[in-house]
């Protein structure tokens, strides 16, 4: 559940790799934006639908100690 005073971390996605920008914004700044994601799985779905760009994830949802997070997996055939 998203609270009205909640903080969001800015995530930059480029070539399917997500990384934190270090910026944090409040809920009023991103209200109504299509780039707000409630979870990492929703972030992955948004990136597949919208492409590269800036997205916002509730603070503390980003995995601790991770600098970059690949969101698109390249599948290889097994033949």
PDB file of N, CA and C in Angstrom:
ATOM      1  N   UNK A   1       0.836  -1.186   0.000  1.00  0.00           N
ATOM      2  CA  UNK A   1       0.000   0.000   0.000  1.00  0.00           C
ATOM      3  C   UNK A   1       0.876   1.243   0.000  1.00  0.00           C
ATOM      4  N   UNK A   2       0.534   2.205  -0.824  1.00  0.00           N
ATOM      5  CA  UNK A   2       1.319   3.425  -0.958  1.00  0.00           C
ATOM      6  C   UNK A   2       0.755   4.484  -0.026  1.00  0.00           C
ATOM      7  N   UNK A   3       1.591   5.013   0.845  1.00  0.00           N
ATOM      8  CA  UNK A   3       1.169   6.056   1.780  1.00  0.00           C
ATOM      9  C   UNK A   3       1.360   7.426   1.160  1.00  0.00           C
ATOM     10  N   UNK A   4       0.586   8.405   1.605  1.00  0.00           N
ATOM     11  CA  UNK A   4       0.634   9.739   1.005  1.00  0.00           C
ATOM     12  C   UNK A   4       1.958  10.451   1.261  1.00  0.00           C
ATOM     13  N   UNK A   5       2.663  10.150   2.358  1.00  0.00           N
ATOM     14  CA  UNK A   5       3.926  10.822   2.662  1.00  0.00           C
ATOM     15  C   UNK A   5       5.135   9.963   2.289  1.00  0.00           C
ATOM     16  N   UNK A   6       4.927   8.993   1.444  1.00  0.00           N
ATOM     17  CA  UNK A   6       5.983   8.039   1.104  1.00  0.00           C
ATOM     18  C   UNK A   6       7.035   8.664   0.191  1.00  0.00           C
ATOM     19  N   UNK A   7       8.281   8.194   0.333  1.00  0.00           N
ATOM     20  CA  UNK A   7       9.394   8.630  -0.504  1.00  0.00           C
ATOM     21  C   UNK A   7       9.635   7.595  -1.599  1.00  0.00           C
ATOM     22  N   UNK A   8      10.092   8.047  -2.747  1.00  0.00           N
ATOM     23  CA  UNK A   8      10.379   7.185  -3.880  1.00  0.00           C
ATOM     24  C   UNK A   8      11.814   7.404  -4.331  1.00  0.00           C
ATOM     25  N   UNK A   9      12.502   6.307  -4.653  1.00  0.00           N
ATOM     26  CA  UNK A   9      13.841   6.371  -5.220  1.00  0.00           C
ATOM     27  C   UNK A   9      13.724   6.434  -6.731  1.00  0.00           C
ATOM     28  N   UNK A  10      14.577   7.240  -7.355  1.00  0.00           N
ATOM     29  CA  UNK A  10      14.595   7.346  -8.804  1.00  0.00           C
ATOM     30  C   UNK A  10      15.487   6.238  -9.364  1.00  0.00           C
ATOM     31  N   UNK A  11      14.966   5.505 -10.343  1.00  0.00           N
ATOM     32  CA  UNK A  11      15.669   4.401 -10.981  1.00  0.00           C
ATOM     33  C   UNK A  11      15.857   4.751 -12.451  1.00  0.00           C
ATOM     34  N   UNK A  12      17.068   4.630 -12.943  1.00  0.00           N
ATOM     35  CA  UNK A  12      17.346   4.854 -14.368  1.00  0.00           C
ATOM     36  C   UNK A  12      17.513   3.498 -15.026  1.00  0.00           C
ATOM     37  N   UNK A  13      16.799   3.279 -16.125  1.00  0.00           N
ATOM     38  CA  UNK A  13      16.900   2.025 -16.867  1.00  0.00           C
ATOM     39  C   UNK A  13      17.435   2.336 -18.257  1.00  0.00           C
ATOM     40  N   UNK A  14      18.502   1.642 -18.614  1.00  0.00           N
ATOM     41  CA  UNK A  14      19.098   1.800 -19.944  1.00  0.00           C
ATOM     42  C   UNK A  14      19.555   0.420 -20.417  1.00  0.00           C
ATOM     43  N   UNK A  15      19.120   0.024 -21.595  1.00  0.00           N
ATOM     44  CA  UNK A  15      19.436  -1.285 -22.175  1.00  0.00           C
ATOM     45  C   UNK A  15      19.078  -2.433 -21.243  1.00  0.00           C
ATOM     46  N   UNK A  16      17.968  -2.295 -20.538  1.00  0.00           N
ATOM     47  CA  UNK A  16      17.494  -3.368 -19.676  1.00  0.00           C
ATOM     48  C   UNK A  16      18.197  -3.491 -18.347  1.00  0.00           C
ATOM     49  N   UNK A  17      19.105  -2.552 -18.020  1.00  0.00           N
ATOM     50  CA  UNK A  17      19.822  -2.560 -16.752  1.00  0.00           C
ATOM     51  C   UNK A  17      19.305  -1.395 -15.903  1.00  0.00           C
ATOM     52  N   UNK A  18      18.811  -1.703 -14.706  1.00  0.00           N
ATOM     53  CA  UNK A  18      18.294  -0.683 -13.797  1.00  0.00           C
ATOM     54  C   UNK A  18      19.369  -0.323 -12.776  1.00  0.00           C
ATOM     55  N   UNK A  19      19.463   0.962 -12.461  1.00  0.00           N
ATOM     56  CA  UNK A  19      20.400   1.408 -11.432  1.00  0.00           C
ATOM     57  C   UNK A  19      19.811   2.616 -10.711  1.00  0.00           C
ATOM     58  N   UNK A  20      20.160   2.743  -9.436  1.00  0.00           N
ATOM     59  CA  UNK A  20      19.708   3.889  -8.645  1.00  0.00           C
ATOM     60  C   UNK A  20      20.437   5.146  -9.087  1.00  0.00           C
ATOM     61  N   UNK A  21      19.714   6.258  -9.141  1.00  0.00           N
ATOM     62  CA  UNK A  21      20.357   7.528  -9.463  1.00  0.00           C
ATOM     63  C   UNK A  21      20.829   8.254  -8.214  1.00  0.00           C
ATOM     64  N   UNK A  22      20.289   7.872  -7.055  1.00  0.00           N
ATOM     65  CA  UNK A  22      20.650   8.531  -5.811  1.00  0.00           C
ATOM     66  C   UNK A  22      19.674   9.620  -5.420  1.00  0.00           C
ATOM     67  N   UNK A  23      18.717   9.931  -6.299  1.00  0.00           N
ATOM     68  CA  UNK A  23      17.719  10.950  -5.988  1.00  0.00           C
ATOM     69  C   UNK A  23      16.513  10.301  -5.322  1.00  0.00           C
ATOM     70  N   UNK A  24      15.884  11.046  -4.451  1.00  0.00           N
ATOM     71  CA  UNK A  24      14.687  10.597  -3.773  1.00  0.00           C
ATOM     72  C   UNK A  24      13.648  11.708  -3.864  1.00  0.00           C
ATOM     73  N   UNK A  25      12.414  11.346  -4.203  1.00  0.00           N
ATOM     74  CA  UNK A  25      11.339  12.334  -4.337  1.00  0.00           C
ATOM     75  C   UNK A  25      10.158  11.910  -3.473  1.00  0.00           C
ATOM     76  N   UNK A  26       9.251  12.848  -3.225  1.00  0.00           N
ATOM     77  CA  UNK A  26       8.078  12.511  -2.430  1.00  0.00           C
ATOM     78  C   UNK A  26       6.913  12.120  -3.345  1.00  0.00           C
ATOM     79  N   UNK A  27       5.870  11.621  -2.743  1.00  0.00           N
ATOM     80  CA  UNK A  27       4.708  11.095  -3.478  1.00  0.00           C
ATOM     81  C   UNK A  27       4.054  12.164  -4.349  1.00  0.00           C
ATOM     82  N   UNK A  28       3.983  13.395  -3.866  1.00  0.00           N
ATOM     83  CA  UNK A  28       3.333  14.464  -4.619  1.00  0.00           C
ATOM     84  C   UNK A  28       4.046  14.748  -5.940  1.00  0.00           C
ATOM     85  N   UNK A  29       5.340  14.530  -5.986  1.00  0.00           N
ATOM     86  CA  UNK A  29       6.119  14.796  -7.202  1.00  0.00           C
ATOM     87  C   UNK A  29       5.792  13.817  -8.317  1.00  0.00           C
ATOM     88  N   UNK A  30       5.542  12.564  -7.976  1.00  0.00           N
ATOM     89  CA  UNK A  30       5.333  11.532  -8.998  1.00  0.00           C
ATOM     90  C   UNK A  30       3.871  11.099  -9.129  1.00  0.00           C
ATOM     91  N   UNK A  31       2.987  11.758  -8.427  1.00  0.00           N
ATOM     92  CA  UNK A  31       1.568  11.392  -8.457  1.00  0.00           C
ATOM     93  C   UNK A  31       1.019  11.407  -9.884  1.00  0.00           C
ATOM     94  N   UNK A  32       0.355  10.332 -10.264  1.00  0.00           N
ATOM     95  CA  UNK A  32      -0.262  10.232 -11.579  1.00  0.00           C
ATOM     96  C   UNK A  32       0.686   9.846 -12.698  1.00  0.00           C
ATOM     97  N   UNK A  33       1.943   9.649 -12.394  1.00  0.00           N
ATOM     98  CA  UNK A  33       2.924   9.298 -13.417  1.00  0.00           C
ATOM     99  C   UNK A  33       2.851   7.802 -13.740  1.00  0.00           C
ATOM    100  N   UNK A  34       3.003   7.458 -15.005  1.00  0.00           N
ATOM    101  CA  UNK A  34       3.005   6.051 -15.422  1.00  0.00           C
ATOM    102  C   UNK A  34       4.306   5.364 -15.039  1.00  0.00           C
ATOM    103  N   UNK A  35       5.295   6.119 -14.603  1.00  0.00           N
ATOM    104  CA  UNK A  35       6.590   5.530 -14.276  1.00  0.00           C
ATOM    105  C   UNK A  35       6.729   5.171 -12.792  1.00  0.00           C
ATOM    106  N   UNK A  36       5.650   5.257 -12.028  1.00  0.00           N
ATOM    107  CA  UNK A  36       5.669   4.845 -10.624  1.00  0.00           C
ATOM    108  C   UNK A  36       5.393   3.348 -10.558  1.00  0.00           C
ATOM    109  N   UNK A  37       6.252   2.612  -9.863  1.00  0.00           N
ATOM    110  CA  UNK A  37       6.121   1.158  -9.736  1.00  0.00           C
ATOM    111  C   UNK A  37       6.021   0.800  -8.262  1.00  0.00           C
ATOM    112  N   UNK A  38       5.158  -0.160  -7.937  1.00  0.00           N
ATOM    113  CA  UNK A  38       4.957  -0.550  -6.541  1.00  0.00           C
ATOM    114  C   UNK A  38       5.871  -1.688  -6.111  1.00  0.00           C
ATOM    115  N   UNK A  39       6.518  -2.366  -7.077  1.00  0.00           N
ATOM    116  CA  UNK A  39       7.389  -3.492  -6.754  1.00  0.00           C
ATOM    117  C   UNK A  39       8.430  -3.651  -7.853  1.00  0.00           C
ATOM    118  N   UNK A  40       9.426  -4.516  -7.605  1.00  0.00           N
ATOM    119  CA  UNK A  40      10.439  -4.789  -8.630  1.00  0.00           C
ATOM    120  C   UNK A  40       9.836  -5.520  -9.820  1.00  0.00           C
ATOM    121  N   UNK A  41       8.877  -6.395  -9.572  1.00  0.00           N
ATOM    122  CA  UNK A  41       8.251  -7.099 -10.700  1.00  0.00           C
ATOM    123  C   UNK A  41       7.438  -6.132 -11.558  1.00  0.00           C
ATOM    124  N   UNK A  42       6.787  -5.168 -10.933  1.00  0.00           N
ATOM    125  CA  UNK A  42       6.063  -4.158 -11.711  1.00  0.00           C
ATOM    126  C   UNK A  42       7.037  -3.267 -12.475  1.00  0.00           C
ATOM    127  N   UNK A  43       8.208  -3.013 -11.900  1.00  0.00           N
ATOM    128  CA  UNK A  43       9.240  -2.262 -12.604  1.00  0.00           C
ATOM    129  C   UNK A  43       9.653  -2.998 -13.869  1.00  0.00           C
ATOM    130  N   UNK A  44       9.864  -4.304 -13.772  1.00  0.00           N
ATOM    131  CA  UNK A  44      10.217  -5.095 -14.951  1.00  0.00           C
ATOM    132  C   UNK A  44       9.139  -5.055 -16.020  1.00  0.00           C
ATOM    133  N   UNK A  45       7.889  -5.148 -15.612  1.00  0.00           N
ATOM    134  CA  UNK A  45       6.781  -5.086 -16.576  1.00  0.00           C
ATOM    135  C   UNK A  45       6.701  -3.710 -17.230  1.00  0.00           C
ATOM    136  N   UNK A  46       6.898  -2.659 -16.443  1.00  0.00           N
ATOM    137  CA  UNK A  46       6.847  -1.294 -16.987  1.00  0.00           C
ATOM    138  C   UNK A  46       7.963  -1.053 -17.986  1.00  0.00           C
ATOM    139  N   UNK A  47       9.149  -1.586 -17.702  1.00  0.00           N
ATOM    140  CA  UNK A  47      10.274  -1.412 -18.625  1.00  0.00           C
ATOM    141  C   UNK A  47       9.998  -2.139 -19.933  1.00  0.00           C
ATOM    142  N   UNK A  48       9.430  -3.337 -19.874  1.00  0.00           N
ATOM    143  CA  UNK A  48       9.101  -4.053 -21.112  1.00  0.00           C
ATOM    144  C   UNK A  48       8.036  -3.308 -21.916  1.00  0.00           C
ATOM    145  N   UNK A  49       7.104  -2.655 -21.224  1.00  0.00           N
ATOM    146  CA  UNK A  49       6.012  -1.955 -21.897  1.00  0.00           C
ATOM    147  C   UNK A  49       6.428  -0.575 -22.395  1.00  0.00           C
ATOM    148  N   UNK A  50       7.157   0.191 -21.559  1.00  0.00           N
ATOM    149  CA  UNK A  50       7.490   1.579 -21.871  1.00  0.00           C
ATOM    150  C   UNK A  50       8.895   1.785 -22.429  1.00  0.00           C
ATOM    151  N   UNK A  51       9.792   0.839 -22.189  1.00  0.00           N
ATOM    152  CA  UNK A  51      11.167   0.982 -22.647  1.00  0.00           C
ATOM    153  C   UNK A  51      12.044   1.663 -21.619  1.00  0.00           C
ATOM    154  N   UNK A  52      13.222   2.082 -22.033  1.00  0.00           N
ATOM    155  CA  UNK A  52      14.193   2.724 -21.148  1.00  0.00           C
ATOM    156  C   UNK A  52      13.670   4.066 -20.647  1.00  0.00           C
ATOM    157  N   UNK A  53      14.223   4.505 -19.517  1.00  0.00           N
ATOM    158  CA  UNK A  53      13.839   5.803 -18.976  1.00  0.00           C
ATOM    159  C   UNK A  53      14.014   5.852 -17.477  1.00  0.00           C
ATOM    160  N   UNK A  54      13.316   6.784 -16.857  1.00  0.00           N
ATOM    161  CA  UNK A  54      13.374   6.967 -15.412  1.00  0.00           C
ATOM    162  C   UNK A  54      12.086   6.448 -14.790  1.00  0.00           C
ATOM    163  N   UNK A  55      12.230   5.680 -13.730  1.00  0.00           N
ATOM    164  CA  UNK A  55      11.100   5.099 -13.021  1.00  0.00           C
ATOM    165  C   UNK A  55      11.267   5.389 -11.540  1.00  0.00           C
ATOM    166  N   UNK A  56      10.177   5.240 -10.806  1.00  0.00           N
ATOM    167  CA  UNK A  56      10.191   5.545  -9.370  1.00  0.00           C
ATOM    168  C   UNK A  56       9.673   4.351  -8.596  1.00  0.00           C
ATOM    169  N   UNK A  57      10.455   3.958  -7.599  1.00  0.00           N
ATOM    170  CA  UNK A  57      10.177   2.778  -6.786  1.00  0.00           C
ATOM    171  C   UNK A  57      10.135   3.223  -5.323  1.00  0.00           C
ATOM    172  N   UNK A  58       9.153   2.744  -4.547  1.00  0.00           N
ATOM    173  CA  UNK A  58       9.119   3.133  -3.134  1.00  0.00           C
ATOM    174  C   UNK A  58      10.472   2.877  -2.455  1.00  0.00           C
ATOM    175  N   UNK A  59      10.852   3.813  -1.600  1.00  0.00           N
ATOM    176  CA  UNK A  59      12.132   3.704  -0.897  1.00  0.00           C
ATOM    177  C   UNK A  59      12.210   2.383  -0.141  1.00  0.00           C
ATOM    178  N   UNK A  60      13.401   1.850  -0.051  1.00  0.00           N
ATOM    179  CA  UNK A  60      13.723   0.605   0.663  1.00  0.00           C
ATOM    180  C   UNK A  60      13.287  -0.658  -0.071  1.00  0.00           C
ATOM    181  N   UNK A  61      12.750  -0.568  -1.284  1.00  0.00           N
ATOM    182  CA  UNK A  61      12.430  -1.773  -2.052  1.00  0.00           C
ATOM    183  C   UNK A  61      13.601  -2.240  -2.908  1.00  0.00           C
ATOM    184  N   UNK A  62      14.548  -1.356  -3.163  1.00  0.00           N
ATOM    185  CA  UNK A  62      15.722  -1.724  -3.953  1.00  0.00           C
ATOM    186  C   UNK A  62      16.570  -2.687  -3.118  1.00  0.00           C
ATOM    187  N   UNK A  63      17.053  -3.790  -3.720  1.00  0.00           N
ATOM    188  CA  UNK A  63      17.866  -4.763  -2.957  1.00  0.00           C
ATOM    189  C   UNK A  63      19.135  -4.116  -2.397  1.00  0.00           C
ATOM    190  N   UNK A  64      19.407  -4.390  -1.149  1.00  0.00           N
ATOM    191  CA  UNK A  64      20.557  -3.799  -0.468  1.00  0.00           C
ATOM    192  C   UNK A  64      21.865  -4.352  -1.033  1.00  0.00           C
ATOM    193  N   UNK A  65      22.811  -3.471  -1.288  1.00  0.00           N
ATOM    194  CA  UNK A  65      24.124  -3.868  -1.778  1.00  0.00           C
ATOM    195  C   UNK A  65      24.187  -4.120  -3.273  1.00  0.00           C
ATOM    196  N   UNK A  66      23.113  -3.856  -4.001  1.00  0.00           N
ATOM    197  CA  UNK A  66      23.072  -4.088  -5.453  1.00  0.00           C
ATOM    198  C   UNK A  66      23.180  -2.747  -6.162  1.00  0.00           C
ATOM    199  N   UNK A  67      24.173  -2.617  -7.058  1.00  0.00           N
ATOM    200  CA  UNK A  67      24.331  -1.377  -7.817  1.00  0.00           C
ATOM    201  C   UNK A  67      23.509  -1.398  -9.093  1.00  0.00           C
ATOM    202  N   UNK A  68      23.558  -2.517  -9.810  1.00  0.00           N
ATOM    203  CA  UNK A  68      22.824  -2.651 -11.075  1.00  0.00           C
ATOM    204  C   UNK A  68      21.981  -3.907 -11.024  1.00  0.00           C
ATOM    205  N   UNK A  69      20.806  -3.827 -11.656  1.00  0.00           N
ATOM    206  CA  UNK A  69      19.887  -4.953 -11.655  1.00  0.00           C
ATOM    207  C   UNK A  69      19.419  -5.198 -13.085  1.00  0.00           C
ATOM    208  N   UNK A  70      19.812  -6.334 -13.689  1.00  0.00           N
ATOM    209  CA  UNK A  70      19.341  -6.621 -15.055  1.00  0.00           C
ATOM    210  C   UNK A  70      17.851  -6.975 -15.022  1.00  0.00           C
ATOM    211  N   UNK A  71      17.066  -6.332 -15.875  1.00  0.00           N
ATOM    212  CA  UNK A  71      15.629  -6.563 -15.913  1.00  0.00           C
ATOM    213  C   UNK A  71      15.198  -7.415 -17.094  1.00  0.00           C
ATOM    214  N   UNK A  72      16.028  -7.487 -18.109  1.00  0.00           N
ATOM    215  CA  UNK A  72      15.700  -8.287 -19.284  1.00  0.00           C
ATOM    216  C   UNK A  72      16.702  -9.428 -19.392  1.00  0.00           C
ATOM    217  N   UNK A  73      16.195 -10.630 -19.522  1.00  0.00           N
ATOM    218  CA  UNK A  73      17.041 -11.817 -19.621  1.00  0.00           C
ATOM    219  C   UNK A  73      17.063 -12.261 -21.073  1.00  0.00           C
ATOM    220  N   UNK A  74      18.250 -12.467 -21.615  1.00  0.00           N
ATOM    221  CA  UNK A  74      18.398 -12.949 -22.976  1.00  0.00           C
ATOM    222  C   UNK A  74      18.379 -14.470 -22.932  1.00  0.00           C
ATOM    223  N   UNK A  75      17.422 -15.053 -23.610  1.00  0.00           N
ATOM    224  CA  UNK A  75      17.277 -16.504 -23.625  1.00  0.00           C
ATOM    225  C   UNK A  75      18.150 -17.112 -24.720  1.00  0.00           C
ATOM    226  N   UNK A  76      18.760 -18.249 -24.410  1.00  0.00           N
ATOM    227  CA  UNK A  76      19.543 -18.969 -25.398  1.00  0.00           C
ATOM    228  C   UNK A  76      18.886 -20.320 -25.644  1.00  0.00           C
ATOM    229  N   UNK A  77      18.953 -20.792 -26.870  1.00  0.00           N
ATOM    230  CA  UNK A  77      18.357 -22.077 -27.198  1.00  0.00           C
ATOM    231  C   UNK A  77      19.277 -23.198 -26.743  1.00  0.00           C
ATOM    232  N   UNK A  78      18.702 -24.359 -26.509  1.00  0.00           N
ATOM    233  CA  UNK A  78      19.480 -25.485 -26.011  1.00  0.00           C
ATOM    234  C   UNK A  78      19.629 -26.582 -27.071  1.00  0.00           C
ATOM    235  N   UNK A  79      19.696 -26.193 -28.313  1.00  0.00           N
ATOM    236  CA  UNK A  79      19.833 -27.226 -29.358  1.00  0.00           C
ATOM    237  C   UNK A  79      21.200 -27.249 -29.960  1.00  0.00           C
TER     238      UNK A  79
END
